[in-house]
Amino acid sequence: MTPDELAFYQAISAEPDDDLRRLSFADWLDENGNPDRARFIRDQIALTKLRPGTDEYKTTFRRTADTL
């Protein structure tokens, strides 16, 4: 784990309800060669805002399951 990654984990742990911290981490992951993990984080955040049962929810849910 890099020092930057550790700093993100600490920031996210300090304020677990702050999606902006997670989205910043996802951007950092994209910039540092881990786009699948970045997409997973963004999808997880999106799922909390989507209505279950909709096509968009199902598609996003399947994509996160495939990533796991």
C-alpha atoms as a PDB file:
ATOM      1  CA  MET A   1       0.000   0.000   0.000  1.00  0.00           C
ATOM      2  CA  THR A   2       1.361   3.392  -0.971  1.00  0.00           C
ATOM      3  CA  PRO A   3       1.375   6.379   1.387  1.00  0.00           C
ATOM      4  CA  ASP A   4      -1.231   8.080  -0.837  1.00  0.00           C
ATOM      5  CA  GLU A   5      -3.478   5.041  -0.726  1.00  0.00           C
ATOM      6  CA  LEU A   6      -3.152   4.879   3.051  1.00  0.00           C
ATOM      7  CA  ALA A   7      -4.095   8.555   3.290  1.00  0.00           C
ATOM      8  CA  PHE A   8      -7.241   7.892   1.258  1.00  0.00           C
ATOM      9  CA  TYR A   9      -8.197   4.951   3.491  1.00  0.00           C
ATOM     10  CA  GLN A  10      -7.716   7.080   6.580  1.00  0.00           C
ATOM     11  CA  ALA A  11      -9.760   9.944   5.157  1.00  0.00           C
ATOM     12  CA  ILE A  12     -12.570   7.610   4.099  1.00  0.00           C
ATOM     13  CA  SER A  13     -12.565   5.895   7.501  1.00  0.00           C
ATOM     14  CA  ALA A  14     -12.720   9.259   9.277  1.00  0.00           C
ATOM     15  CA  GLU A  15     -15.888  10.244   7.384  1.00  0.00           C
ATOM     16  CA  PRO A  16     -17.495   7.091   5.982  1.00  0.00           C
ATOM     17  CA  ASP A  17     -20.626   8.887   4.747  1.00  0.00           C
ATOM     18  CA  ASP A  18     -18.683  11.347   2.590  1.00  0.00           C
ATOM     19  CA  ASP A  19     -18.973  10.087  -1.001  1.00  0.00           C
ATOM     20  CA  LEU A  20     -16.653  12.823  -2.234  1.00  0.00           C
ATOM     21  CA  ARG A  21     -13.715  11.154  -0.486  1.00  0.00           C
ATOM     22  CA  ARG A  22     -14.506   7.849  -2.180  1.00  0.00           C
ATOM     23  CA  LEU A  23     -14.919   9.546  -5.552  1.00  0.00           C
ATOM     24  CA  SER A  24     -11.574  11.288  -5.115  1.00  0.00           C
ATOM     25  CA  PHE A  25     -10.020   7.915  -4.366  1.00  0.00           C
ATOM     26  CA  ALA A  26     -11.662   6.493  -7.500  1.00  0.00           C
ATOM     27  CA  ASP A  27     -10.123   9.314  -9.551  1.00  0.00           C
ATOM     28  CA  TRP A  28      -6.740   8.581  -8.006  1.00  0.00           C
ATOM     29  CA  LEU A  29      -7.132   4.883  -8.807  1.00  0.00           C
ATOM     30  CA  ASP A  30      -7.892   5.743 -12.441  1.00  0.00           C
ATOM     31  CA  GLU A  31      -4.804   7.927 -12.611  1.00  0.00           C
ATOM     32  CA  ASN A  32      -2.672   5.178 -11.064  1.00  0.00           C
ATOM     33  CA  GLY A  33      -3.621   2.288 -13.306  1.00  0.00           C
ATOM     34  CA  ASN A  34      -6.526   0.668 -11.487  1.00  0.00           C
ATOM     35  CA  PRO A  35      -9.640   1.591 -13.510  1.00  0.00           C
ATOM     36  CA  ASP A  36     -11.600  -1.549 -12.565  1.00  0.00           C
ATOM     37  CA  ARG A  37     -11.362  -0.756  -8.876  1.00  0.00           C
ATOM     38  CA  ALA A  38     -12.255   2.883  -9.578  1.00  0.00           C
ATOM     39  CA  ARG A  39     -15.348   1.822 -11.526  1.00  0.00           C
ATOM     40  CA  PHE A  40     -16.337  -0.539  -8.709  1.00  0.00           C
ATOM     41  CA  ILE A  41     -16.223   2.311  -6.172  1.00  0.00           C
ATOM     42  CA  ARG A  42     -18.248   4.597  -8.435  1.00  0.00           C
ATOM     43  CA  ASP A  43     -20.786   1.846  -9.064  1.00  0.00           C
ATOM     44  CA  GLN A  44     -21.155   1.160  -5.348  1.00  0.00           C
ATOM     45  CA  ILE A  45     -21.883   4.834  -4.750  1.00  0.00           C
ATOM     46  CA  ALA A  46     -24.324   4.898  -7.662  1.00  0.00           C
ATOM     47  CA  LEU A  47     -26.217   1.899  -6.263  1.00  0.00           C
ATOM     48  CA  THR A  48     -27.049   3.842  -3.102  1.00  0.00           C
ATOM     49  CA  LYS A  49     -28.781   6.473  -5.235  1.00  0.00           C
ATOM     50  CA  LEU A  50     -30.615   4.200  -7.675  1.00  0.00           C
ATOM     51  CA  ARG A  51     -34.010   2.662  -7.123  1.00  0.00           C
ATOM     52  CA  PRO A  52     -33.766  -1.132  -6.798  1.00  0.00           C
ATOM     53  CA  GLY A  53     -35.464  -3.016  -9.588  1.00  0.00           C
ATOM     54  CA  THR A  54     -34.786  -0.454 -12.301  1.00  0.00           C
ATOM     55  CA  ASP A  55     -32.782  -1.462 -15.348  1.00  0.00           C
ATOM     56  CA  GLU A  56     -29.979   0.924 -14.410  1.00  0.00           C
ATOM     57  CA  TYR A  57     -29.801  -0.566 -10.913  1.00  0.00           C
ATOM     58  CA  LYS A  58     -29.712  -4.120 -12.266  1.00  0.00           C
ATOM     59  CA  THR A  59     -26.989  -3.294 -14.786  1.00  0.00           C
ATOM     60  CA  THR A  60     -24.861  -1.525 -12.186  1.00  0.00           C
ATOM     61  CA  PHE A  61     -25.387  -4.304  -9.664  1.00  0.00           C
ATOM     62  CA  ARG A  62     -24.342  -6.971 -12.183  1.00  0.00           C
ATOM     63  CA  ARG A  63     -21.246  -4.992 -13.095  1.00  0.00           C
ATOM     64  CA  THR A  64     -20.188  -4.779  -9.433  1.00  0.00           C
ATOM     65  CA  ALA A  65     -20.831  -8.489  -8.984  1.00  0.00           C
ATOM     66  CA  ASP A  66     -18.707  -9.253 -12.057  1.00  0.00           C
ATOM     67  CA  THR A  67     -15.908  -7.073 -10.702  1.00  0.00           C
ATOM     68  CA  LEU A  68     -15.892  -8.942  -7.418  1.00  0.00           C
END
